Amino acid sequence: MMSQIEKTIKSLQRNNMAGHYVKDKEELLTLLGQLIPDKVTVGSGDSVTLEDLGVFDFLRSNDYLFHDKFRPGITSEEKRELYIKNFAAHTFITGTSAVSMDGKIFNIDGNGSRVAPTIYGPKQVIIVIGTNKLVSDEAAAIERTRQIAAVLDTKRLGKKTPCVELDRCIDCKSTERICHSHVLITGQFIKDRIKVVIVEGDWGF
């Protein structure tokens, strides 16, 4: 696995992105404290990975202006306002569905609120993944995202789509599908704007 991680980090660097490896949650949170300056604005995307690793609680408990879309009682309009503010955030932190060893990042999004600020806006984007999301190439990244990540996330959200029953994506036309934006990131104009942090273990979908 370490050879895969090292190859992925080198490939990300060639694509003008940064790669980091940490062994566990504690090392991750220490690294995030180093990467994100105090008192800056921080936005986030939906992510089981970030939730399980305690990243949202870390952002709430430190000296950041966190655009917390998960706070109790938030309305849909307030949440939309946060989505717009995320474009001007200093740091946007999110998960993603797959990262290939040739340094490409693939994600499927429902309304675009996760992928849009990843592509443009925030000064810094930090993508956190478990080693379970490392794949060989672009084709494998797309396959993993469609057939594993999207199916599991649809189940988590309680949607009534064919993939919930079939355990596989058939590219349905359901009004409840969450697979509207398919985004492949192959590089960056601004060096190290995107930083991928690889955490040892199975995290998220």
Protein backbone atom coordinates (compact mmCIF):
# COMPACT_ATOMS: atom_id res chain seq x y z
CA MET A 1 0.00 0.00 0.00
CA MET A 2 2.83 2.45 0.77
CA SER A 3 4.09 2.17 -2.81
CA GLN A 4 0.60 3.10 -4.05
CA ILE A 5 0.47 6.06 -1.68
CA GLU A 6 3.92 7.28 -2.69
CA LYS A 7 3.07 6.96 -6.38
CA THR A 8 -0.18 8.88 -5.90
CA ILE A 9 1.53 11.71 -4.02
CA LYS A 10 4.21 12.03 -6.71
CA SER A 11 1.54 12.08 -9.42
CA LEU A 12 -0.44 14.77 -7.59
CA GLN A 13 2.72 16.86 -7.38
CA ARG A 14 3.27 16.50 -11.14
CA ASN A 15 -0.29 17.75 -11.59
CA ASN A 16 0.45 20.86 -9.49
CA MET A 17 -1.34 19.53 -6.42
CA ALA A 18 0.02 18.53 -3.02
CA GLY A 19 -0.25 15.13 -1.37
CA HIS A 20 0.12 14.20 2.30
CA TYR A 21 -0.07 10.87 4.14
CA VAL A 22 -1.08 10.44 7.79
CA LYS A 23 -1.42 7.27 9.83
CA ASP A 24 -4.51 8.12 11.86
CA LYS A 25 -7.07 10.68 13.03
CA GLU A 26 -4.66 12.34 15.47
CA GLU A 27 -2.04 12.94 12.78
CA LEU A 28 -4.75 14.25 10.45
CA LEU A 29 -6.02 16.83 12.91
CA THR A 30 -2.47 17.94 13.70
CA LEU A 31 -1.79 18.41 9.98
CA LEU A 32 -5.02 20.36 9.48
CA GLY A 33 -3.98 22.68 12.29
CA GLN A 34 -0.75 23.32 10.39
CA LEU A 35 -2.41 23.81 7.00
CA ILE A 36 -5.29 26.07 8.08
CA PRO A 37 -4.28 29.42 9.65
CA ASP A 38 -6.17 30.70 12.69
CA LYS A 39 -9.12 33.06 12.22
CA VAL A 40 -9.74 32.26 8.54
CA THR A 41 -13.07 31.30 7.03
CA VAL A 42 -13.54 27.59 6.36
CA GLY A 43 -16.26 25.94 4.30
CA SER A 44 -16.98 22.27 3.85
CA GLY A 45 -18.79 19.76 1.72
CA ASP A 46 -20.87 16.81 2.87
CA SER A 47 -18.54 13.99 3.81
CA VAL A 48 -18.92 10.83 5.83
CA THR A 49 -15.12 10.67 5.90
CA LEU A 50 -14.81 14.07 7.58
CA GLU A 51 -17.58 13.26 10.03
CA ASP A 52 -16.06 9.94 11.04
CA LEU A 53 -12.59 11.48 11.45
CA GLY A 54 -13.86 14.27 13.70
CA VAL A 55 -12.95 17.07 11.28
CA PHE A 56 -16.19 19.01 11.70
CA ASP A 57 -15.83 19.00 15.50
CA PHE A 58 -12.21 20.11 15.05
CA LEU A 59 -13.31 23.08 12.94
CA ARG A 60 -16.00 24.04 15.46
CA SER A 61 -13.67 23.90 18.44
CA ASN A 62 -10.80 25.92 16.97
CA ASP A 63 -10.34 29.57 16.07
CA TYR A 64 -11.96 29.46 12.63
CA LEU A 65 -15.02 31.09 11.12
CA PHE A 66 -16.60 27.79 10.11
CA HIS A 67 -19.51 27.88 7.66
CA ASP A 68 -21.29 25.13 9.57
CA LYS A 69 -24.03 23.75 7.33
CA PHE A 70 -24.76 21.03 9.89
CA ARG A 71 -25.85 23.23 12.77
CA PRO A 72 -29.26 22.35 14.25
CA GLY A 73 -32.21 24.27 12.88
CA ILE A 74 -30.49 25.63 9.78
CA THR A 75 -32.98 26.40 7.00
CA SER A 76 -32.58 25.49 3.36
CA GLU A 77 -32.14 29.16 2.48
CA GLU A 78 -29.46 29.64 5.16
CA LYS A 79 -27.69 26.57 3.86
CA ARG A 80 -27.76 27.95 0.32
CA GLU A 81 -26.23 31.21 1.60
CA LEU A 82 -23.38 29.20 3.12
CA TYR A 83 -22.85 27.40 -0.18
CA ILE A 84 -22.39 30.78 -1.88
CA LYS A 85 -20.08 32.03 0.89
CA ASN A 86 -17.91 28.94 0.45
CA PHE A 87 -16.57 30.38 -2.80
CA ALA A 88 -14.96 33.22 -0.83
CA ALA A 89 -13.70 31.03 2.02
CA HIS A 90 -9.98 30.84 2.68
CA THR A 91 -10.15 27.06 2.96
CA PHE A 92 -12.67 24.56 1.65
CA ILE A 93 -12.39 21.06 3.09
CA THR A 94 -14.16 18.05 1.68
CA GLY A 95 -13.92 14.38 0.87
CA THR A 96 -14.03 12.86 -2.57
CA SER A 97 -14.99 9.52 -4.05
CA ALA A 98 -11.72 8.39 -5.64
CA VAL A 99 -8.14 9.48 -6.28
CA SER A 100 -6.10 7.67 -8.91
CA MET A 101 -2.43 6.80 -8.73
CA ASP A 102 -1.85 9.02 -11.77
CA GLY A 103 -2.94 12.00 -9.67
CA LYS A 104 -6.54 12.58 -10.73
CA ILE A 105 -9.51 13.29 -8.48
CA PHE A 106 -13.02 12.12 -9.34
CA ASN A 107 -16.27 13.01 -7.64
CA ILE A 108 -20.01 12.78 -8.19
CA ASP A 109 -22.21 15.45 -6.64
CA GLY A 110 -25.93 16.00 -6.37
CA ASN A 111 -26.36 19.78 -6.42
CA GLY A 112 -22.75 20.79 -7.08
CA SER A 113 -22.17 22.41 -3.67
CA ARG A 114 -19.16 20.16 -3.06
CA VAL A 115 -17.51 20.12 -6.45
CA ALA A 116 -18.07 23.76 -7.41
CA PRO A 117 -15.84 25.37 -4.72
CA THR A 118 -13.35 22.55 -5.15
CA ILE A 119 -12.87 23.70 -8.74
CA TYR A 120 -12.88 27.46 -8.15
CA GLY A 121 -13.06 30.06 -5.40
CA PRO A 122 -11.37 29.21 -2.10
CA LYS A 123 -7.68 29.99 -1.75
CA GLN A 124 -7.04 26.49 -0.44
CA VAL A 125 -8.88 23.19 -0.91
CA ILE A 126 -8.14 20.22 1.34
CA ILE A 127 -9.46 16.85 0.25
CA VAL A 128 -9.37 14.08 2.86
CA ILE A 129 -9.60 10.44 1.83
CA GLY A 130 -8.99 7.02 3.31
CA THR A 131 -6.63 4.60 1.60
CA ASN A 132 -9.75 2.70 0.50
CA LYS A 133 -10.33 5.44 -2.10
CA LEU A 134 -7.03 5.01 -3.92
CA VAL A 135 -7.48 3.44 -7.36
CA SER A 136 -5.25 2.62 -10.31
CA ASP A 137 -6.43 5.07 -12.96
CA GLU A 138 -9.19 7.36 -14.24
CA ALA A 139 -11.42 4.51 -15.40
CA ALA A 140 -11.18 2.81 -12.00
CA ALA A 141 -11.96 6.12 -10.28
CA ILE A 142 -15.16 6.53 -12.28
CA GLU A 143 -16.13 2.90 -11.72
CA ARG A 144 -15.56 3.09 -7.97
CA THR A 145 -17.50 6.32 -7.65
CA ARG A 146 -20.52 5.16 -9.63
CA GLN A 147 -20.75 1.59 -8.40
CA ILE A 148 -19.61 1.89 -4.77
CA ALA A 149 -19.57 5.45 -3.39
CA ALA A 150 -22.73 6.77 -5.05
CA VAL A 151 -24.73 3.64 -4.24
CA LEU A 152 -23.78 3.71 -0.55
CA ASP A 153 -24.40 7.44 -0.25
CA THR A 154 -27.82 7.09 -1.88
CA LYS A 155 -28.70 4.47 0.72
CA ARG A 156 -27.40 6.69 3.52
CA LEU A 157 -29.66 9.52 2.35
CA GLY A 158 -32.70 7.25 2.18
CA LYS A 159 -33.37 7.86 -1.49
CA LYS A 160 -35.72 5.69 -3.52
CA THR A 161 -33.65 4.94 -6.60
CA PRO A 162 -32.91 1.73 -8.53
CA CYS A 163 -29.36 1.49 -7.15
CA VAL A 164 -30.70 1.12 -3.61
CA GLU A 165 -32.47 -2.09 -4.64
CA LEU A 166 -29.94 -3.34 -7.19
CA ASP A 167 -26.71 -2.42 -5.34
CA ARG A 168 -25.34 -0.99 -8.58
CA CYS A 169 -25.70 2.13 -10.70
CA ILE A 170 -27.72 1.81 -13.92
CA ASP A 171 -27.55 5.53 -14.76
CA CYS A 172 -31.21 5.92 -13.87
CA LYS A 173 -33.43 8.92 -14.54
CA SER A 174 -35.00 8.96 -11.09
CA THR A 175 -35.95 12.37 -9.72
CA GLU A 176 -34.19 11.33 -6.47
CA ARG A 177 -30.83 10.47 -8.02
CA ILE A 178 -27.82 12.21 -6.47
CA CYS A 179 -25.47 11.71 -9.43
CA HIS A 180 -25.88 14.92 -11.40
CA SER A 181 -22.35 16.36 -11.57
CA HIS A 182 -19.50 14.07 -12.60
CA VAL A 183 -16.25 15.98 -12.12
CA LEU A 184 -12.69 14.88 -12.93
CA ILE A 185 -9.85 17.12 -11.73
CA THR A 186 -6.58 16.48 -13.52
CA GLY A 187 -4.51 19.41 -12.26
CA GLN A 188 -4.38 23.01 -11.02
CA PHE A 189 -3.18 26.36 -12.33
CA ILE A 190 -2.17 27.46 -8.82
CA LYS A 191 0.44 25.15 -7.33
CA ASP A 192 -0.73 23.27 -4.24
CA ARG A 193 -4.10 25.04 -4.09
CA ILE A 194 -5.56 21.55 -3.82
CA LYS A 195 -4.05 19.36 -1.14
CA VAL A 196 -5.02 15.70 -0.85
CA VAL A 197 -4.57 14.13 2.58
CA ILE A 198 -4.51 10.33 2.55
CA VAL A 199 -5.43 8.74 5.88
CA GLU A 200 -4.54 5.12 6.54
CA GLY A 201 -7.62 2.89 6.71
CA ASP A 202 -11.15 2.64 5.35
CA TRP A 203 -12.90 5.96 5.79
CA GLY A 204 -16.18 6.98 4.18
CA PHE A 205 -17.60 5.60 0.98
